Amino acid sequence: AVGMQLFMPIGMGFVLGSIFKGIGATAFGLPQISFVFILLTMLSLQSLPLMPLLIEERGFMKHETSERLYTESAHILTTLCVTVPLSLLGAACQTLIIYAFSGLAYKFLPIVLGWTLLLFFFFDAIFQAVAAAAADGQQAQTLATPFL
């Protein structure tokens, strides 16, 4: 789970960063627009592959809470304190790596980072809600389609 939340975005950051390497050196145009579009799209879809893991984790949680091993609030608290910060760190690392490769001026970094993380939080919350409502991974993918 740590690999999916942290190491996969870092790897994708290097891949996408190498694709857009040096686009900041050219005049503003289509390469910069496609850079922003792909960056925002990748960040919004980052939580999509985690939905089946969330559904599986929910199944374990149901069994463990029925046996009184812990409460639902303890599960929610661990998700809030572990899963969300790891995903946020992965998204921030991915954005910073891609931006560093692009060669764009660093005066735009706070704006780009702010918008990408805001979009990440929005879609992460939507995918978490869909995973909470879906019975299995396939249904979760189907329910998430209109939001995409």
C-alpha atoms as a PDB file:
ATOM      1  CA  ALA A   1       0.000   0.000   0.000  1.00  0.00           C
ATOM      2  CA  VAL A   2       2.896   2.367   0.721  1.00  0.00           C
ATOM      3  CA  GLY A   3       4.318   1.610  -2.718  1.00  0.00           C
ATOM      4  CA  MET A   4       1.010   2.432  -4.387  1.00  0.00           C
ATOM      5  CA  GLN A   5       0.645   5.690  -2.477  1.00  0.00           C
ATOM      6  CA  LEU A   6       4.218   6.939  -2.432  1.00  0.00           C
ATOM      7  CA  PHE A   7       6.608   5.151  -4.769  1.00  0.00           C
ATOM      8  CA  MET A   8       4.305   4.821  -7.781  1.00  0.00           C
ATOM      9  CA  PRO A   9       3.692   8.620  -7.977  1.00  0.00           C
ATOM     10  CA  ILE A  10       7.423   9.271  -7.610  1.00  0.00           C
ATOM     11  CA  GLY A  11       8.149   6.851 -10.462  1.00  0.00           C
ATOM     12  CA  MET A  12       5.443   8.447 -12.584  1.00  0.00           C
ATOM     13  CA  GLY A  13       6.955  11.834 -11.766  1.00  0.00           C
ATOM     14  CA  PHE A  14      10.275  10.788 -13.274  1.00  0.00           C
ATOM     15  CA  VAL A  15       8.575   9.301 -16.348  1.00  0.00           C
ATOM     16  CA  LEU A  16       6.395  12.347 -17.011  1.00  0.00           C
ATOM     17  CA  GLY A  17       9.221  14.692 -16.070  1.00  0.00           C
ATOM     18  CA  SER A  18      11.451  13.129 -18.698  1.00  0.00           C
ATOM     19  CA  ILE A  19       8.682  13.537 -21.283  1.00  0.00           C
ATOM     20  CA  PHE A  20       8.330  17.258 -20.562  1.00  0.00           C
ATOM     21  CA  LYS A  21      11.996  17.931 -19.906  1.00  0.00           C
ATOM     22  CA  GLY A  22      13.003  21.464 -20.837  1.00  0.00           C
ATOM     23  CA  ILE A  23       9.649  22.797 -22.065  1.00  0.00           C
ATOM     24  CA  GLY A  24      10.129  25.885 -19.917  1.00  0.00           C
ATOM     25  CA  ALA A  25      12.992  27.006 -22.159  1.00  0.00           C
ATOM     26  CA  THR A  26      10.715  27.509 -25.174  1.00  0.00           C
ATOM     27  CA  ALA A  27       8.234  30.306 -25.780  1.00  0.00           C
ATOM     28  CA  PHE A  28       4.769  29.883 -24.279  1.00  0.00           C
ATOM     29  CA  GLY A  29       2.518  27.744 -26.445  1.00  0.00           C
ATOM     30  CA  LEU A  30       1.065  24.295 -26.939  1.00  0.00           C
ATOM     31  CA  PRO A  31       3.829  22.382 -25.077  1.00  0.00           C
ATOM     32  CA  GLN A  32       3.202  24.330 -21.874  1.00  0.00           C
ATOM     33  CA  ILE A  33      -0.573  23.928 -22.161  1.00  0.00           C
ATOM     34  CA  SER A  34      -0.228  20.174 -22.707  1.00  0.00           C
ATOM     35  CA  PHE A  35       2.161  20.040 -19.743  1.00  0.00           C
ATOM     36  CA  VAL A  36      -0.407  21.615 -17.414  1.00  0.00           C
ATOM     37  CA  PHE A  37      -3.227  19.471 -18.806  1.00  0.00           C
ATOM     38  CA  ILE A  38      -1.345  16.181 -18.412  1.00  0.00           C
ATOM     39  CA  LEU A  39      -0.038  17.149 -14.972  1.00  0.00           C
ATOM     40  CA  LEU A  40      -3.553  17.915 -13.730  1.00  0.00           C
ATOM     41  CA  THR A  41      -4.990  14.794 -15.355  1.00  0.00           C
ATOM     42  CA  MET A  42      -2.374  12.503 -13.825  1.00  0.00           C
ATOM     43  CA  LEU A  43      -2.880  13.992 -10.363  1.00  0.00           C
ATOM     44  CA  SER A  44      -6.649  13.666 -10.602  1.00  0.00           C
ATOM     45  CA  LEU A  45      -6.386   9.994 -11.604  1.00  0.00           C
ATOM     46  CA  GLN A  46      -3.739   9.072  -9.032  1.00  0.00           C
ATOM     47  CA  SER A  47      -6.268   7.712  -6.498  1.00  0.00           C
ATOM     48  CA  LEU A  48      -8.232   5.676  -9.039  1.00  0.00           C
ATOM     49  CA  PRO A  49      -6.106   2.492  -8.779  1.00  0.00           C
ATOM     50  CA  LEU A  50      -6.407   2.612  -4.973  1.00  0.00           C
ATOM     51  CA  MET A  51     -10.176   2.002  -4.997  1.00  0.00           C
ATOM     52  CA  PRO A  52      -9.971  -1.821  -5.070  1.00  0.00           C
ATOM     53  CA  LEU A  53      -7.488  -1.681  -2.177  1.00  0.00           C
ATOM     54  CA  LEU A  54      -9.859   0.536  -0.205  1.00  0.00           C
ATOM     55  CA  ILE A  55     -12.736  -1.875  -0.818  1.00  0.00           C
ATOM     56  CA  GLU A  56     -10.617  -4.838   0.284  1.00  0.00           C
ATOM     57  CA  GLU A  57      -9.497  -2.911   3.365  1.00  0.00           C
ATOM     58  CA  ARG A  58     -13.136  -2.100   4.153  1.00  0.00           C
ATOM     59  CA  GLY A  59     -13.984  -5.810   4.049  1.00  0.00           C
ATOM     60  CA  PHE A  60     -11.219  -6.555   6.538  1.00  0.00           C
ATOM     61  CA  MET A  61     -12.422  -3.708   8.712  1.00  0.00           C
ATOM     62  CA  LYS A  62     -15.985  -5.092   8.761  1.00  0.00           C
ATOM     63  CA  HIS A  63     -14.780  -8.493   9.954  1.00  0.00           C
ATOM     64  CA  GLU A  64     -12.392  -7.078  12.533  1.00  0.00           C
ATOM     65  CA  THR A  65     -14.930  -4.633  13.975  1.00  0.00           C
ATOM     66  CA  SER A  66     -17.556  -7.381  14.173  1.00  0.00           C
ATOM     67  CA  GLU A  67     -15.094  -9.337  16.321  1.00  0.00           C
ATOM     68  CA  ARG A  68     -14.587  -6.209  18.465  1.00  0.00           C
ATOM     69  CA  LEU A  69     -10.864  -5.924  17.688  1.00  0.00           C
ATOM     70  CA  TYR A  70     -11.267  -2.167  17.201  1.00  0.00           C
ATOM     71  CA  THR A  71     -13.973   0.366  16.389  1.00  0.00           C
ATOM     72  CA  GLU A  72     -14.905   2.003  13.107  1.00  0.00           C
ATOM     73  CA  SER A  73     -13.681   5.334  14.433  1.00  0.00           C
ATOM     74  CA  ALA A  74     -10.211   3.850  14.980  1.00  0.00           C
ATOM     75  CA  HIS A  75     -10.159   2.708  11.349  1.00  0.00           C
ATOM     76  CA  ILE A  76     -11.255   6.161  10.162  1.00  0.00           C
ATOM     77  CA  LEU A  77      -8.593   7.802  12.310  1.00  0.00           C
ATOM     78  CA  THR A  78      -5.812   5.600  10.914  1.00  0.00           C
ATOM     79  CA  THR A  79      -6.992   6.323   7.387  1.00  0.00           C
ATOM     80  CA  LEU A  80      -6.937  10.040   8.127  1.00  0.00           C
ATOM     81  CA  CYS A  81      -3.525   9.952   9.824  1.00  0.00           C
ATOM     82  CA  VAL A  82      -1.729   7.441   7.562  1.00  0.00           C
ATOM     83  CA  THR A  83      -3.358   7.006   4.151  1.00  0.00           C
ATOM     84  CA  VAL A  84      -4.191  10.638   3.411  1.00  0.00           C
ATOM     85  CA  PRO A  85      -0.736  12.051   4.336  1.00  0.00           C
ATOM     86  CA  LEU A  86       1.029   9.312   2.323  1.00  0.00           C
ATOM     87  CA  SER A  87      -1.122  10.043  -0.717  1.00  0.00           C
ATOM     88  CA  LEU A  88      -0.582  13.772  -0.302  1.00  0.00           C
ATOM     89  CA  LEU A  89       3.168  13.294  -0.025  1.00  0.00           C
ATOM     90  CA  GLY A  90       3.155  11.142  -3.163  1.00  0.00           C
ATOM     91  CA  ALA A  91       1.163  13.748  -5.091  1.00  0.00           C
ATOM     92  CA  ALA A  92       3.411  16.582  -3.912  1.00  0.00           C
ATOM     93  CA  CYS A  93       6.575  14.645  -4.818  1.00  0.00           C
ATOM     94  CA  GLN A  94       5.179  13.785  -8.235  1.00  0.00           C
ATOM     95  CA  THR A  95       4.295  17.423  -8.925  1.00  0.00           C
ATOM     96  CA  LEU A  96       7.662  18.733  -7.731  1.00  0.00           C
ATOM     97  CA  ILE A  97       9.629  16.181  -9.775  1.00  0.00           C
ATOM     98  CA  ILE A  98       7.690  16.903 -12.955  1.00  0.00           C
ATOM     99  CA  TYR A  99       7.975  20.650 -12.415  1.00  0.00           C
ATOM    100  CA  ALA A 100      11.717  20.418 -11.789  1.00  0.00           C
ATOM    101  CA  PHE A 101      12.214  18.490 -15.044  1.00  0.00           C
ATOM    102  CA  SER A 102      10.082  20.948 -17.027  1.00  0.00           C
ATOM    103  CA  GLY A 103      12.390  23.909 -16.495  1.00  0.00           C
ATOM    104  CA  LEU A 104       9.548  26.355 -15.970  1.00  0.00           C
ATOM    105  CA  ALA A 105      10.226  29.432 -13.867  1.00  0.00           C
ATOM    106  CA  TYR A 106      10.020  28.780 -10.136  1.00  0.00           C
ATOM    107  CA  LYS A 107       7.806  31.823  -9.622  1.00  0.00           C
ATOM    108  CA  PHE A 108       4.904  29.722 -10.981  1.00  0.00           C
ATOM    109  CA  LEU A 109       5.603  26.756  -8.684  1.00  0.00           C
ATOM    110  CA  PRO A 110       3.330  27.800  -5.770  1.00  0.00           C
ATOM    111  CA  ILE A 111       0.403  28.349  -8.138  1.00  0.00           C
ATOM    112  CA  VAL A 112       0.900  25.056  -9.988  1.00  0.00           C
ATOM    113  CA  LEU A 113       1.514  23.112  -6.779  1.00  0.00           C
ATOM    114  CA  GLY A 114      -1.521  24.640  -5.083  1.00  0.00           C
ATOM    115  CA  TRP A 115      -3.892  23.854  -7.927  1.00  0.00           C
ATOM    116  CA  THR A 116      -2.587  20.342  -8.479  1.00  0.00           C
ATOM    117  CA  LEU A 117      -2.880  19.457  -4.787  1.00  0.00           C
ATOM    118  CA  LEU A 118      -6.356  20.996  -4.602  1.00  0.00           C
ATOM    119  CA  LEU A 119      -7.430  18.909  -7.590  1.00  0.00           C
ATOM    120  CA  PHE A 120      -5.795  15.842  -6.046  1.00  0.00           C
ATOM    121  CA  PHE A 121      -7.731  16.320  -2.786  1.00  0.00           C
ATOM    122  CA  PHE A 122     -10.992  16.752  -4.692  1.00  0.00           C
ATOM    123  CA  PHE A 123     -10.652  13.584  -6.750  1.00  0.00           C
ATOM    124  CA  ASP A 124      -9.183  11.600  -3.857  1.00  0.00           C
ATOM    125  CA  ALA A 125     -12.278  12.420  -1.797  1.00  0.00           C
ATOM    126  CA  ILE A 126     -14.583  11.472  -4.660  1.00  0.00           C
ATOM    127  CA  PHE A 127     -12.806   8.147  -5.230  1.00  0.00           C
ATOM    128  CA  GLN A 128     -12.858   7.408  -1.479  1.00  0.00           C
ATOM    129  CA  ALA A 129     -16.616   8.070  -1.421  1.00  0.00           C
ATOM    130  CA  VAL A 130     -17.171   5.849  -4.460  1.00  0.00           C
ATOM    131  CA  ALA A 131     -15.083   3.084  -2.885  1.00  0.00           C
ATOM    132  CA  ALA A 132     -17.152   3.373   0.299  1.00  0.00           C
ATOM    133  CA  ALA A 133     -20.408   2.970  -1.621  1.00  0.00           C
ATOM    134  CA  ALA A 134     -19.355   0.244  -4.093  1.00  0.00           C
ATOM    135  CA  ALA A 135     -19.622  -3.460  -3.384  1.00  0.00           C
ATOM    136  CA  ASP A 136     -16.506  -4.441  -5.365  1.00  0.00           C
ATOM    137  CA  GLY A 137     -13.723  -2.996  -7.497  1.00  0.00           C
ATOM    138  CA  GLN A 138     -15.556  -3.367 -10.792  1.00  0.00           C
ATOM    139  CA  GLN A 139     -18.622  -1.540  -9.496  1.00  0.00           C
ATOM    140  CA  ALA A 140     -16.365   1.182  -8.070  1.00  0.00           C
ATOM    141  CA  GLN A 141     -14.740   1.731 -11.480  1.00  0.00           C
ATOM    142  CA  THR A 142     -18.179   1.942 -13.086  1.00  0.00           C
ATOM    143  CA  LEU A 143     -19.473   4.398 -10.478  1.00  0.00           C
ATOM    144  CA  ALA A 144     -16.354   6.568 -10.830  1.00  0.00           C
ATOM    145  CA  THR A 145     -16.720   6.913 -14.611  1.00  0.00           C
ATOM    146  CA  PRO A 146     -19.128   9.911 -14.588  1.00  0.00           C
ATOM    147  CA  PHE A 147     -16.739  11.884 -12.373  1.00  0.00           C
ATOM    148  CA  LEU A 148     -13.872  11.291 -14.777  1.00  0.00           C
END
